[in-house]
């Protein structure tokens, strides 16, 4: 039997999903890789995997896309790991560096800048270590675990989930589990149960995984339980639909 190929995000916020998979019988039926979000997306686009935890901005680019899980990487308040960081306030920023790990967060920043912040800036692509090269009047979109470290290094840190919620009154969805082919109801049910198991056993996973890569001021349990909202509920679907509507204006 051909194994289902899955690409999951390699950040701390995905560990409940990984823990659920590793403690589920579906583990023997899949090939799991852990990648940065942009690579998850590209693998799904290139049909190198069957299922990916992909940035939501990529969904319209897929010929066939099906959200197969009731769980996501989302936020109903400050997310902490998706930020715009700078040494100056928004009104004094003239250049924004874009995290090459991300697609949804980059698009979210463009939407916020145009529709809500009302700022006009130069957008610049980045390479490894860009977050350490930010100068006066510049800012950077920083995502994932490195954002948790960066929040103490900059004078101004704008939490992008919080900014979205403040301006739309809707939660934000960063990534969802999307398949590019029909995986069948049995697999989808088993996969959903695995996700649920991981989210319901955060205390156990805290004891299982090594969190020494996180800065000392980050409590992993608090981050996973309070900053990340994993339920893909009706309000998040509304937020996702509005984001995709706004993103379509940038084509």
Foldseek 3Di string as FASTA:
>chain_A
DAAAEEEEEPFLLCLLLVQLCVPFPSVVRHHYDYHQQVVQLVCQQVVVGFKYFHFLLSVVVAPAKDQLAQWAFWFPAFLQFWKKFAQDDPQLAAEEEEDPSADNSVLLVVLCCVPPVVDHHHYHYDDPPVLVVGDHNYIYTGGGQVSLVCVVVGPDIGRSQNSLCVVPVFIEGGTTMMGNDDPDPVVSVSSRSSSVNSLVPVVVVVVVDDPPVHDPVDDSVCSNPHNTDTGNDPRHVVNSVVSNVSSVVVD
